[in-house]
C-alpha atoms as a PDB file:
ATOM      1  CA  UNK A   1     -72.386  -1.068 -46.623  1.00  0.00           C
ATOM      2  CA  UNK A   2     -68.725  -1.247 -45.686  1.00  0.00           C
ATOM      3  CA  UNK A   3     -67.291  -4.701 -45.906  1.00  0.00           C
ATOM      4  CA  UNK A   4     -64.115  -6.385 -44.726  1.00  0.00           C
ATOM      5  CA  UNK A   5     -62.872  -9.005 -47.108  1.00  0.00           C
ATOM      6  CA  UNK A   6     -59.760 -11.127 -47.507  1.00  0.00           C
ATOM      7  CA  UNK A   7     -57.429 -10.468 -50.419  1.00  0.00           C
ATOM      8  CA  UNK A   8     -54.033 -11.560 -51.608  1.00  0.00           C
ATOM      9  CA  UNK A   9     -52.619  -8.305 -50.202  1.00  0.00           C
ATOM     10  CA  UNK A  10     -53.881  -8.869 -46.656  1.00  0.00           C
ATOM     11  CA  UNK A  11     -56.814  -7.418 -44.743  1.00  0.00           C
ATOM     12  CA  UNK A  12     -58.842  -5.090 -46.937  1.00  0.00           C
ATOM     13  CA  UNK A  13     -61.798  -2.966 -46.044  1.00  0.00           C
ATOM     14  CA  UNK A  14     -63.725  -0.053 -47.475  1.00  0.00           C
ATOM     15  CA  UNK A  15     -64.235   2.927 -45.191  1.00  0.00           C
ATOM     16  CA  UNK A  16     -66.169   6.145 -45.928  1.00  0.00           C
ATOM     17  CA  UNK A  17     -63.064   8.109 -46.852  1.00  0.00           C
ATOM     18  CA  UNK A  18     -60.708   5.607 -48.415  1.00  0.00           C
ATOM     19  CA  UNK A  19     -59.878   2.086 -49.493  1.00  0.00           C
ATOM     20  CA  UNK A  20     -56.912   0.690 -47.653  1.00  0.00           C
ATOM     21  CA  UNK A  21     -55.140  -2.631 -47.568  1.00  0.00           C
ATOM     22  CA  UNK A  22     -53.288  -4.069 -44.605  1.00  0.00           C
ATOM     23  CA  UNK A  23     -50.266  -5.661 -46.179  1.00  0.00           C
ATOM     24  CA  UNK A  24     -47.679  -7.997 -44.818  1.00  0.00           C
ATOM     25  CA  UNK A  25     -50.067 -10.660 -43.607  1.00  0.00           C
ATOM     26  CA  UNK A  26     -48.057 -13.692 -42.622  1.00  0.00           C
ATOM     27  CA  UNK A  27     -48.851 -17.247 -41.691  1.00  0.00           C
ATOM     28  CA  UNK A  28     -48.512 -18.397 -38.102  1.00  0.00           C
ATOM     29  CA  UNK A  29     -46.624 -21.408 -39.403  1.00  0.00           C
ATOM     30  CA  UNK A  30     -42.886 -20.887 -39.641  1.00  0.00           C
ATOM     31  CA  UNK A  31     -42.816 -17.475 -37.907  1.00  0.00           C
ATOM     32  CA  UNK A  32     -39.845 -16.651 -35.758  1.00  0.00           C
ATOM     33  CA  UNK A  33     -40.226 -16.919 -31.986  1.00  0.00           C
ATOM     34  CA  UNK A  34     -38.994 -13.340 -31.832  1.00  0.00           C
ATOM     35  CA  UNK A  35     -42.111 -12.091 -33.582  1.00  0.00           C
ATOM     36  CA  UNK A  36     -45.493 -11.255 -32.129  1.00  0.00           C
ATOM     37  CA  UNK A  37     -48.170 -12.846 -34.288  1.00  0.00           C
ATOM     38  CA  UNK A  38     -51.925 -12.469 -33.803  1.00  0.00           C
ATOM     39  CA  UNK A  39     -54.935 -14.039 -35.475  1.00  0.00           C
ATOM     40  CA  UNK A  40     -58.216 -12.190 -35.879  1.00  0.00           C
ATOM     41  CA  UNK A  41     -61.253 -14.343 -36.608  1.00  0.00           C
ATOM     42  CA  UNK A  42     -64.205 -12.442 -38.036  1.00  0.00           C
ATOM     43  CA  UNK A  43     -67.608 -13.917 -37.157  1.00  0.00           C
ATOM     44  CA  UNK A  44     -69.619 -11.517 -39.292  1.00  0.00           C
ATOM     45  CA  UNK A  45     -70.846 -14.531 -41.206  1.00  0.00           C
ATOM     46  CA  UNK A  46     -71.514 -17.152 -38.538  1.00  0.00           C
ATOM     47  CA  UNK A  47     -71.471 -19.926 -41.153  1.00  0.00           C
ATOM     48  CA  UNK A  48     -68.058 -19.033 -42.560  1.00  0.00           C
ATOM     49  CA  UNK A  49     -65.782 -17.246 -40.073  1.00  0.00           C
ATOM     50  CA  UNK A  50     -62.680 -15.755 -41.691  1.00  0.00           C
ATOM     51  CA  UNK A  51     -59.280 -15.654 -39.995  1.00  0.00           C
ATOM     52  CA  UNK A  52     -56.575 -13.066 -40.714  1.00  0.00           C
ATOM     53  CA  UNK A  53     -53.010 -13.173 -39.387  1.00  0.00           C
ATOM     54  CA  UNK A  54     -50.891 -10.130 -38.594  1.00  0.00           C
ATOM     55  CA  UNK A  55     -47.311  -9.701 -37.360  1.00  0.00           C
ATOM     56  CA  UNK A  56     -46.525  -6.813 -34.996  1.00  0.00           C
ATOM     57  CA  UNK A  57     -43.016  -5.376 -35.166  1.00  0.00           C
ATOM     58  CA  UNK A  58     -43.305  -3.299 -31.980  1.00  0.00           C
ATOM     59  CA  UNK A  59     -44.077  -4.943 -28.629  1.00  0.00           C
ATOM     60  CA  UNK A  60     -43.422  -3.393 -25.204  1.00  0.00           C
ATOM     61  CA  UNK A  61     -44.538  -4.153 -21.677  1.00  0.00           C
ATOM     62  CA  UNK A  62     -44.414  -3.080 -18.054  1.00  0.00           C
ATOM     63  CA  UNK A  63     -45.439  -4.885 -14.865  1.00  0.00           C
ATOM     64  CA  UNK A  64     -46.597  -3.021 -11.770  1.00  0.00           C
ATOM     65  CA  UNK A  65     -45.935  -3.805  -8.114  1.00  0.00           C
ATOM     66  CA  UNK A  66     -48.972  -6.118  -7.956  1.00  0.00           C
ATOM     67  CA  UNK A  67     -47.788  -8.164 -10.917  1.00  0.00           C
ATOM     68  CA  UNK A  68     -50.345  -6.743 -13.356  1.00  0.00           C
ATOM     69  CA  UNK A  69     -49.205  -6.566 -16.955  1.00  0.00           C
ATOM     70  CA  UNK A  70     -49.576  -3.803 -19.523  1.00  0.00           C
ATOM     71  CA  UNK A  71     -48.608  -5.092 -22.963  1.00  0.00           C
ATOM     72  CA  UNK A  72     -48.826  -2.982 -26.108  1.00  0.00           C
ATOM     73  CA  UNK A  73     -48.225  -4.020 -29.695  1.00  0.00           C
ATOM     74  CA  UNK A  74     -48.166  -1.678 -32.653  1.00  0.00           C
ATOM     75  CA  UNK A  75     -47.863  -2.076 -36.397  1.00  0.00           C
ATOM     76  CA  UNK A  76     -47.647   0.710 -38.972  1.00  0.00           C
ATOM     77  CA  UNK A  77     -47.984  -0.037 -42.673  1.00  0.00           C
ATOM     78  CA  UNK A  78     -48.203   2.240 -45.717  1.00  0.00           C
ATOM     79  CA  UNK A  79     -51.652   2.995 -47.084  1.00  0.00           C
ATOM     80  CA  UNK A  80     -52.775   2.742 -50.658  1.00  0.00           C
ATOM     81  CA  UNK A  81     -50.575   4.646 -53.126  1.00  0.00           C
ATOM     82  CA  UNK A  82     -53.414   7.015 -54.043  1.00  0.00           C
ATOM     83  CA  UNK A  83     -54.017   8.017 -50.440  1.00  0.00           C
ATOM     84  CA  UNK A  84     -50.724   7.815 -48.623  1.00  0.00           C
ATOM     85  CA  UNK A  85     -52.194   7.636 -45.115  1.00  0.00           C
ATOM     86  CA  UNK A  86     -50.386   5.021 -42.991  1.00  0.00           C
ATOM     87  CA  UNK A  87     -52.419   2.293 -41.326  1.00  0.00           C
ATOM     88  CA  UNK A  88     -51.872   1.858 -37.595  1.00  0.00           C
ATOM     89  CA  UNK A  89     -52.943  -1.197 -35.626  1.00  0.00           C
ATOM     90  CA  UNK A  90     -52.532  -1.260 -31.845  1.00  0.00           C
ATOM     91  CA  UNK A  91     -53.307  -4.013 -29.348  1.00  0.00           C
ATOM     92  CA  UNK A  92     -53.333  -3.269 -25.603  1.00  0.00           C
ATOM     93  CA  UNK A  93     -53.569  -6.158 -23.153  1.00  0.00           C
ATOM     94  CA  UNK A  94     -54.037  -5.373 -19.463  1.00  0.00           C
ATOM     95  CA  UNK A  95     -54.022  -8.260 -16.996  1.00  0.00           C
ATOM     96  CA  UNK A  96     -55.853  -8.055 -13.680  1.00  0.00           C
ATOM     97  CA  UNK A  97     -55.165 -11.575 -12.407  1.00  0.00           C
ATOM     98  CA  UNK A  98     -52.331 -13.987 -13.055  1.00  0.00           C
ATOM     99  CA  UNK A  99     -52.278 -17.758 -12.709  1.00  0.00           C
ATOM    100  CA  UNK A 100     -49.339 -19.068 -10.663  1.00  0.00           C
ATOM    101  CA  UNK A 101     -47.989 -22.484 -11.728  1.00  0.00           C
ATOM    102  CA  UNK A 102     -48.508 -25.020  -8.960  1.00  0.00           C
ATOM    103  CA  UNK A 103     -50.821 -22.743  -6.993  1.00  0.00           C
ATOM    104  CA  UNK A 104     -53.688 -21.838  -9.315  1.00  0.00           C
ATOM    105  CA  UNK A 105     -55.424 -23.703 -12.119  1.00  0.00           C
ATOM    106  CA  UNK A 106     -54.565 -22.333 -15.568  1.00  0.00           C
ATOM    107  CA  UNK A 107     -57.205 -22.578 -18.273  1.00  0.00           C
ATOM    108  CA  UNK A 108     -57.620 -20.860 -21.633  1.00  0.00           C
ATOM    109  CA  UNK A 109     -61.259 -20.203 -20.712  1.00  0.00           C
ATOM    110  CA  UNK A 110     -60.378 -18.148 -17.626  1.00  0.00           C
ATOM    111  CA  UNK A 111     -60.806 -14.393 -18.033  1.00  0.00           C
ATOM    112  CA  UNK A 112     -57.849 -12.503 -16.607  1.00  0.00           C
ATOM    113  CA  UNK A 113     -57.317  -9.549 -18.922  1.00  0.00           C
ATOM    114  CA  UNK A 114     -58.956  -6.753 -20.876  1.00  0.00           C
ATOM    115  CA  UNK A 115     -58.059  -6.200 -24.517  1.00  0.00           C
ATOM    116  CA  UNK A 116     -58.320  -3.173 -26.795  1.00  0.00           C
ATOM    117  CA  UNK A 117     -57.690  -3.390 -30.537  1.00  0.00           C
ATOM    118  CA  UNK A 118     -57.562  -0.247 -32.681  1.00  0.00           C
ATOM    119  CA  UNK A 119     -57.242   0.301 -36.420  1.00  0.00           C
ATOM    120  CA  UNK A 120     -56.578   3.832 -37.637  1.00  0.00           C
ATOM    121  CA  UNK A 121     -55.799   5.457 -40.968  1.00  0.00           C
ATOM    122  CA  UNK A 122     -55.663   9.229 -40.995  1.00  0.00           C
ATOM    123  CA  UNK A 123     -58.667  10.418 -38.986  1.00  0.00           C
ATOM    124  CA  UNK A 124     -60.723   7.326 -39.743  1.00  0.00           C
ATOM    125  CA  UNK A 125     -60.696   4.424 -37.345  1.00  0.00           C
ATOM    126  CA  UNK A 126     -62.467   1.933 -35.136  1.00  0.00           C
ATOM    127  CA  UNK A 127     -61.921   0.410 -31.703  1.00  0.00           C
ATOM    128  CA  UNK A 128     -62.799  -3.074 -30.483  1.00  0.00           C
ATOM    129  CA  UNK A 129     -62.708  -4.101 -26.848  1.00  0.00           C
ATOM    130  CA  UNK A 130     -63.288  -7.196 -24.797  1.00  0.00           C
ATOM    131  CA  UNK A 131     -61.769  -9.669 -22.376  1.00  0.00           C
ATOM    132  CA  UNK A 132     -59.704 -12.797 -22.621  1.00  0.00           C
ATOM    133  CA  UNK A 133     -57.099 -15.089 -21.162  1.00  0.00           C
ATOM    134  CA  UNK A 134     -53.405 -14.157 -21.255  1.00  0.00           C
ATOM    135  CA  UNK A 135     -50.419 -16.226 -20.132  1.00  0.00           C
ATOM    136  CA  UNK A 136     -46.936 -14.755 -19.891  1.00  0.00           C
ATOM    137  CA  UNK A 137     -43.467 -15.320 -18.488  1.00  0.00           C
ATOM    138  CA  UNK A 138     -40.652 -12.871 -17.896  1.00  0.00           C
ATOM    139  CA  UNK A 139     -37.035 -13.925 -18.372  1.00  0.00           C
ATOM    140  CA  UNK A 140     -34.479 -13.869 -15.562  1.00  0.00           C
ATOM    141  CA  UNK A 141     -33.126 -10.493 -16.628  1.00  0.00           C
ATOM    142  CA  UNK A 142     -36.689  -9.103 -16.481  1.00  0.00           C
ATOM    143  CA  UNK A 143     -36.249  -7.382 -19.830  1.00  0.00           C
ATOM    144  CA  UNK A 144     -38.152  -9.754 -22.130  1.00  0.00           C
ATOM    145  CA  UNK A 145     -41.663 -11.170 -21.921  1.00  0.00           C
ATOM    146  CA  UNK A 146     -43.084 -14.088 -23.867  1.00  0.00           C
ATOM    147  CA  UNK A 147     -46.586 -15.477 -23.771  1.00  0.00           C
ATOM    148  CA  UNK A 148     -49.891 -15.997 -25.498  1.00  0.00           C
ATOM    149  CA  UNK A 149     -53.368 -14.542 -25.690  1.00  0.00           C
ATOM    150  CA  UNK A 150     -56.200 -17.048 -25.901  1.00  0.00           C
ATOM    151  CA  UNK A 151     -59.965 -16.907 -26.158  1.00  0.00           C
ATOM    152  CA  UNK A 152     -60.274 -13.110 -26.355  1.00  0.00           C
ATOM    153  CA  UNK A 153     -63.715 -12.027 -27.510  1.00  0.00           C
ATOM    154  CA  UNK A 154     -63.990  -8.515 -28.984  1.00  0.00           C
ATOM    155  CA  UNK A 155     -66.882  -6.257 -29.968  1.00  0.00           C
ATOM    156  CA  UNK A 156     -66.881  -2.813 -31.663  1.00  0.00           C
ATOM    157  CA  UNK A 157     -67.060   0.024 -29.151  1.00  0.00           C
ATOM    158  CA  UNK A 158     -66.089   3.278 -30.874  1.00  0.00           C
ATOM    159  CA  UNK A 159     -65.622   4.812 -34.304  1.00  0.00           C
ATOM    160  CA  UNK A 160     -63.741   7.880 -35.437  1.00  0.00           C
ATOM    161  CA  UNK A 161     -64.758  10.147 -38.327  1.00  0.00           C
ATOM    162  CA  UNK A 162     -67.364   7.733 -39.620  1.00  0.00           C
ATOM    163  CA  UNK A 163     -65.341   4.690 -38.653  1.00  0.00           C
ATOM    164  CA  UNK A 164     -65.002   1.386 -40.410  1.00  0.00           C
ATOM    165  CA  UNK A 165     -67.390  -1.501 -40.666  1.00  0.00           C
ATOM    166  CA  UNK A 166     -65.012  -4.327 -39.825  1.00  0.00           C
ATOM    167  CA  UNK A 167     -66.154  -6.890 -37.279  1.00  0.00           C
ATOM    168  CA  UNK A 168     -69.487  -7.347 -35.593  1.00  0.00           C
ATOM    169  CA  UNK A 169     -67.857  -9.897 -33.327  1.00  0.00           C
ATOM    170  CA  UNK A 170     -64.279 -11.114 -33.423  1.00  0.00           C
ATOM    171  CA  UNK A 171     -61.912 -13.472 -31.654  1.00  0.00           C
ATOM    172  CA  UNK A 172     -58.295 -12.465 -31.102  1.00  0.00           C
ATOM    173  CA  UNK A 173     -55.549 -14.958 -30.297  1.00  0.00           C
ATOM    174  CA  UNK A 174     -51.799 -14.841 -30.615  1.00  0.00           C
ATOM    175  CA  UNK A 175     -48.300 -15.237 -29.296  1.00  0.00           C
ATOM    176  CA  UNK A 176     -45.999 -12.405 -28.328  1.00  0.00           C
ATOM    177  CA  UNK A 177     -42.444 -11.493 -27.445  1.00  0.00           C
ATOM    178  CA  UNK A 178     -42.071  -8.036 -25.905  1.00  0.00           C
ATOM    179  CA  UNK A 179     -39.312  -5.806 -24.565  1.00  0.00           C
ATOM    180  CA  UNK A 180     -39.548  -4.218 -21.139  1.00  0.00           C
ATOM    181  CA  UNK A 181     -39.942  -0.485 -21.706  1.00  0.00           C
ATOM    182  CA  UNK A 182     -42.278   1.345 -19.356  1.00  0.00           C
ATOM    183  CA  UNK A 183     -41.850   4.706 -21.097  1.00  0.00           C
ATOM    184  CA  UNK A 184     -42.876   3.398 -24.512  1.00  0.00           C
ATOM    185  CA  UNK A 185     -45.659   1.318 -22.998  1.00  0.00           C
ATOM    186  CA  UNK A 186     -47.176   4.354 -21.282  1.00  0.00           C
ATOM    187  CA  UNK A 187     -46.733   6.481 -24.397  1.00  0.00           C
ATOM    188  CA  UNK A 188     -48.633   4.034 -26.594  1.00  0.00           C
ATOM    189  CA  UNK A 189     -51.382   3.618 -23.958  1.00  0.00           C
ATOM    190  CA  UNK A 190     -51.744   7.409 -23.913  1.00  0.00           C
ATOM    191  CA  UNK A 191     -51.920   7.335 -27.707  1.00  0.00           C
ATOM    192  CA  UNK A 192     -54.762   4.814 -27.493  1.00  0.00           C
ATOM    193  CA  UNK A 193     -56.633   6.918 -24.950  1.00  0.00           C
ATOM    194  CA  UNK A 194     -56.241   9.983 -27.133  1.00  0.00           C
ATOM    195  CA  UNK A 195     -57.619   8.127 -30.146  1.00  0.00           C
ATOM    196  CA  UNK A 196     -60.549   6.801 -28.149  1.00  0.00           C
ATOM    197  CA  UNK A 197     -61.190  10.218 -26.656  1.00  0.00           C
ATOM    198  CA  UNK A 198     -61.485  11.713 -30.112  1.00  0.00           C
ATOM    199  CA  UNK A 199     -63.798   8.933 -31.266  1.00  0.00           C
ATOM    200  CA  UNK A 200     -67.549   8.956 -31.203  1.00  0.00           C
ATOM    201  CA  UNK A 201     -69.688   6.225 -29.602  1.00  0.00           C
END
């Protein structure tokens, strides 16, 4: 049975083709406001949920004419020395409703977005999808977005080339700072769709 487990190197899991380690795990405490930091809580063991923290170096967004947000975050890290395959993590947050201060009630329990979370290494990977609550604010120049994702519940949906046994159920939360770049946002969304299209159920 494949098993995700914490280690001093970060998130580690055993997949059918390789053993990889997600390095560079950082604590939410003391992180720069310019970073996008997410926490993944694994509820595989309901008695002892385990939380992992990951920093994403790439974060881009675009907002359509109706005010709906597409936010993508990506992190690439080297794989194990013996394998060499890079590890890619991608988060895509798509809002379909936005709370307006003073006009609508904002609550972390309100569902206003869909979330996709992918982990890939070589041709092996897994996708997790769900819904959650996202809050965001664009600066005056409309080139930078800051916000938070709260109460996002994710479940495994697809695997690729045997996939990975990571989370049966997970909770994703985090804070983000993203740059407005529609071209890169669309490119990464297309990358996600391609990965999912090549995955099995």
